[in-house]
Structure formats: structure tokens, C-alpha cells
C-alpha atoms as a PDB file:
ATOM      1  CA  MET A   1       0.000   0.000   0.000  1.00  0.00           C
ATOM      2  CA  GLN A   2       1.350   3.411  -0.973  1.00  0.00           C
ATOM      3  CA  PRO A   3       1.255   6.457   1.301  1.00  0.00           C
ATOM      4  CA  PRO A   4      -1.375   9.032   0.398  1.00  0.00           C
ATOM      5  CA  ALA A   5      -0.327  11.625  -2.161  1.00  0.00           C
ATOM      6  CA  PRO A   6       0.484  15.052  -0.763  1.00  0.00           C
ATOM      7  CA  GLN A   7      -2.358  17.508  -0.974  1.00  0.00           C
ATOM      8  CA  SER A   8      -1.994  20.943  -2.492  1.00  0.00           C
ATOM      9  CA  SER A   9      -3.534  22.760   0.432  1.00  0.00           C
ATOM     10  CA  THR A  10      -1.696  24.430   3.260  1.00  0.00           C
ATOM     11  CA  SER A  11      -2.583  24.893   6.885  1.00  0.00           C
ATOM     12  CA  ASP A  12      -1.516  27.900   8.907  1.00  0.00           C
ATOM     13  CA  PRO A  13      -0.768  27.815  12.657  1.00  0.00           C
ATOM     14  CA  CYS A  14      -4.427  28.602  13.402  1.00  0.00           C
ATOM     15  CA  GLY A  15      -5.560  25.500  11.534  1.00  0.00           C
ATOM     16  CA  ARG A  16      -7.103  27.341   8.574  1.00  0.00           C
ATOM     17  CA  VAL A  17      -6.699  25.465   5.332  1.00  0.00           C
ATOM     18  CA  GLY A  18      -6.384  27.021   1.902  1.00  0.00           C
ATOM     19  CA  SER A  19      -4.954  26.043  -1.442  1.00  0.00           C
ATOM     20  CA  GLU A  20      -1.341  26.885  -2.252  1.00  0.00           C
ATOM     21  CA  GLY A  21      -0.873  30.404  -3.542  1.00  0.00           C
ATOM     22  CA  ASP A  22      -4.127  31.499  -1.953  1.00  0.00           C
ATOM     23  CA  ALA A  23      -2.878  34.469   0.036  1.00  0.00           C
ATOM     24  CA  SER A  24      -6.140  36.407  -0.146  1.00  0.00           C
ATOM     25  CA  PRO A  25      -7.973  37.016   3.135  1.00  0.00           C
ATOM     26  CA  THR A  26     -11.001  34.850   3.735  1.00  0.00           C
ATOM     27  CA  SER A  27     -12.824  36.961   6.294  1.00  0.00           C
ATOM     28  CA  GLU A  28     -13.516  40.616   7.031  1.00  0.00           C
ATOM     29  CA  SER A  29     -11.294  40.489  10.143  1.00  0.00           C
ATOM     30  CA  GLU A  30      -8.370  39.190   8.067  1.00  0.00           C
ATOM     31  CA  LYS A  31      -8.922  41.942   5.502  1.00  0.00           C
ATOM     32  CA  ARG A  32      -8.722  44.558   8.271  1.00  0.00           C
ATOM     33  CA  GLU A  33      -5.425  43.061   9.504  1.00  0.00           C
ATOM     34  CA  ILE A  34      -3.797  43.764   6.132  1.00  0.00           C
ATOM     35  CA  LYS A  35      -4.373  47.523   6.220  1.00  0.00           C
ATOM     36  CA  THR A  36      -1.349  49.753   5.992  1.00  0.00           C
ATOM     37  CA  LEU A  37      -0.034  50.915   9.337  1.00  0.00           C
ATOM     38  CA  PRO A  38       0.779  54.591   9.764  1.00  0.00           C
ATOM     39  CA  LYS A  39       4.323  55.933   9.742  1.00  0.00           C
ATOM     40  CA  ILE A  40       5.273  56.962  13.280  1.00  0.00           C
ATOM     41  CA  GLU A  41       8.214  59.274  13.907  1.00  0.00           C
ATOM     42  CA  ILE A  42       9.677  60.692  17.117  1.00  0.00           C
ATOM     43  CA  TYR A  43      12.176  63.503  17.464  1.00  0.00           C
ATOM     44  CA  SER A  44      14.029  62.699  20.640  1.00  0.00           C
ATOM     45  CA  SER A  45      17.009  63.322  22.891  1.00  0.00           C
ATOM     46  CA  LYS A  46      18.908  60.742  24.910  1.00  0.00           C
ATOM     47  CA  PHE A  47      18.779  63.118  27.891  1.00  0.00           C
ATOM     48  CA  CYS A  48      14.966  63.408  27.881  1.00  0.00           C
ATOM     49  CA  SER A  49      12.959  61.211  30.256  1.00  0.00           C
ATOM     50  CA  PHE A  50       9.713  62.109  28.451  1.00  0.00           C
ATOM     51  CA  CYS A  51      11.286  60.786  25.233  1.00  0.00           C
ATOM     52  CA  TRP A  52      12.083  57.500  26.960  1.00  0.00           C
ATOM     53  CA  ALA A  53       8.519  57.304  28.260  1.00  0.00           C
ATOM     54  CA  ALA A  54       7.069  57.928  24.775  1.00  0.00           C
ATOM     55  CA  ASN A  55       9.318  55.206  23.362  1.00  0.00           C
ATOM     56  CA  ARG A  56       8.187  52.784  26.088  1.00  0.00           C
ATOM     57  CA  LEU A  57       4.515  53.522  25.439  1.00  0.00           C
ATOM     58  CA  LEU A  58       4.837  52.969  21.698  1.00  0.00           C
ATOM     59  CA  LYS A  59       6.887  49.802  22.217  1.00  0.00           C
ATOM     60  CA  ALA A  60       4.205  48.523  24.607  1.00  0.00           C
ATOM     61  CA  LYS A  61       1.661  49.131  21.847  1.00  0.00           C
ATOM     62  CA  GLY A  62       3.787  46.948  19.558  1.00  0.00           C
ATOM     63  CA  VAL A  63       4.152  49.517  16.792  1.00  0.00           C
ATOM     64  CA  GLU A  64       7.231  50.319  14.767  1.00  0.00           C
ATOM     65  CA  PHE A  65       8.520  53.865  14.797  1.00  0.00           C
ATOM     66  CA  THR A  66      11.495  55.898  13.671  1.00  0.00           C
ATOM     67  CA  VAL A  67      13.501  57.947  16.155  1.00  0.00           C
ATOM     68  CA  TYR A  68      15.398  61.047  15.075  1.00  0.00           C
ATOM     69  CA  SER A  69      17.938  62.316  17.582  1.00  0.00           C
ATOM     70  CA  VAL A  70      18.201  66.083  17.901  1.00  0.00           C
ATOM     71  CA  ASP A  71      21.255  65.819  20.172  1.00  0.00           C
ATOM     72  CA  GLY A  72      23.949  68.066  18.750  1.00  0.00           C
ATOM     73  CA  ASP A  73      21.999  68.449  15.498  1.00  0.00           C
ATOM     74  CA  PRO A  74      20.487  71.932  15.174  1.00  0.00           C
ATOM     75  CA  GLU A  75      19.330  71.169  11.625  1.00  0.00           C
ATOM     76  CA  LYS A  76      17.300  68.175  12.829  1.00  0.00           C
ATOM     77  CA  ARG A  77      15.724  70.365  15.544  1.00  0.00           C
ATOM     78  CA  LYS A  78      14.846  73.005  12.909  1.00  0.00           C
ATOM     79  CA  GLU A  79      13.308  70.275  10.755  1.00  0.00           C
ATOM     80  CA  MET A  80      11.205  69.110  13.721  1.00  0.00           C
ATOM     81  CA  THR A  81       9.909  72.618  14.393  1.00  0.00           C
ATOM     82  CA  ALA A  82       9.277  73.334  10.701  1.00  0.00           C
ATOM     83  CA  ARG A  83       7.126  70.196  10.453  1.00  0.00           C
ATOM     84  CA  GLY A  84       4.740  71.624  13.004  1.00  0.00           C
ATOM     85  CA  GLY A  85       6.233  70.226  16.149  1.00  0.00           C
ATOM     86  CA  GLY A  86       7.005  72.387  19.122  1.00  0.00           C
ATOM     87  CA  PRO A  87      10.518  73.383  20.155  1.00  0.00           C
ATOM     88  CA  THR A  88      10.773  70.701  22.853  1.00  0.00           C
ATOM     89  CA  VAL A  89      11.251  66.942  22.656  1.00  0.00           C
ATOM     90  CA  PRO A  90       9.736  64.538  22.196  1.00  0.00           C
ATOM     91  CA  GLN A  91       7.751  65.560  19.154  1.00  0.00           C
ATOM     92  CA  ILE A  92       5.675  62.737  17.710  1.00  0.00           C
ATOM     93  CA  PHE A  93       4.287  62.558  14.184  1.00  0.00           C
ATOM     94  CA  VAL A  94       1.835  60.017  12.781  1.00  0.00           C
ATOM     95  CA  ASP A  95       1.660  59.923   8.995  1.00  0.00           C
ATOM     96  CA  GLY A  96       3.315  63.344   8.942  1.00  0.00           C
ATOM     97  CA  ARG A  97       0.760  64.961  11.252  1.00  0.00           C
ATOM     98  CA  PRO A  98       2.065  66.407  14.513  1.00  0.00           C
ATOM     99  CA  VAL A  99       0.630  64.684  17.581  1.00  0.00           C
ATOM    100  CA  GLY A 100       2.629  66.649  20.143  1.00  0.00           C
ATOM    101  CA  GLY A 101       4.774  65.405  22.976  1.00  0.00           C
ATOM    102  CA  PHE A 102       4.475  62.724  25.615  1.00  0.00           C
ATOM    103  CA  ASP A 103       1.628  64.477  27.452  1.00  0.00           C
ATOM    104  CA  GLU A 104      -0.487  64.581  24.285  1.00  0.00           C
ATOM    105  CA  LEU A 105       0.394  60.960  23.465  1.00  0.00           C
ATOM    106  CA  THR A 106      -0.683  59.869  26.950  1.00  0.00           C
ATOM    107  CA  ALA A 107      -3.899  61.900  26.759  1.00  0.00           C
ATOM    108  CA  LEU A 108      -4.785  60.202  23.460  1.00  0.00           C
ATOM    109  CA  ASP A 109      -4.148  56.818  25.072  1.00  0.00           C
ATOM    110  CA  MET A 110      -6.288  57.622  28.113  1.00  0.00           C
ATOM    111  CA  ASP A 111      -9.123  58.802  25.831  1.00  0.00           C
ATOM    112  CA  ASP A 112      -8.914  55.548  23.812  1.00  0.00           C
ATOM    113  CA  GLU A 113      -7.911  57.531  20.723  1.00  0.00           C
ATOM    114  CA  LEU A 114      -4.297  56.362  20.428  1.00  0.00           C
ATOM    115  CA  ASP A 115      -4.876  52.794  19.234  1.00  0.00           C
ATOM    116  CA  PRO A 116      -7.032  53.862  16.254  1.00  0.00           C
ATOM    117  CA  LEU A 117      -4.503  56.567  15.391  1.00  0.00           C
ATOM    118  CA  LEU A 118      -1.742  53.947  15.391  1.00  0.00           C
ATOM    119  CA  GLY A 119      -3.838  51.587  13.268  1.00  0.00           C
ATOM    120  CA  LEU A 120      -4.317  49.104  16.113  1.00  0.00           C
ATOM    121  CA  GLY A 121      -8.071  49.139  16.557  1.00  0.00           C
ATOM    122  CA  SER A 122     -11.360  50.424  15.351  1.00  0.00           C
ATOM    123  CA  GLN A 123     -12.480  53.996  15.853  1.00  0.00           C
ATOM    124  CA  PRO A 124     -14.084  54.366  19.292  1.00  0.00           C
ATOM    125  CA  SER A 125     -17.825  54.876  19.288  1.00  0.00           C
ATOM    126  CA  SER A 126     -19.086  58.413  19.882  1.00  0.00           C
END
């Protein structure tokens, strides 16, 4: 007796089965997971405890972000201010829009507005 022929379907770690090459989402929740995440940028200084706190909060959210150090770089600080950020660090931008500093980031989180802004959840109900 011969072993059964291999099948052309694949199974992912969740046990879902699909045919090979079928990378299209099969449910609405999977389609939402594919959406493009926003670009998150932080202008920061290694001497700034609020910068560290903003980094920790975003890391805890599991999002990727780019950090620009303004230490010893007056041109980078000018760039930050010209983009609409204030003169102090951290200055946080999401998809190019200024969010503010750590206080504003924390306020958004406490008001349940940060996760949707970061692309992590649905818009809170009004």
C-alpha cells in the first residue's frame, strides 16, 4: 500500500486550510489586519525622560517607529519645528501629522484615541 499523495492545500498555525498560492484574506477580520499601518516618527534626545517614556509607550503598543535624535543636530531640531512640532522633545508625528509630545500621546491613550490613530483598533464609538 502506498502512502497518500500530498495535498496541495496548506494549513496555517491557526488550523485554517487554503490552497497553495491562496494568500487572499477569507474573512472581514483578516482583511482589516492587512491595512497599511501609519508611519510613526519621534524627534528625541537621549537626555529626555519624556522621550524615553514615549518610546516605552509605543513599544508597549507593539508599533514600529522611527527615532530622530536632535542631540547636537540643530538642523534636525529646525526640521522638527518646521514640520509643526514644538521646540521641545519629544515631538511625535503620525503619517506626517504632529501629535505633540508625551503628554499629548498619553492623553490620546487615556481617551482611547491612540490605538485607532496607530492603526491598532477600530475607531471608538461616539
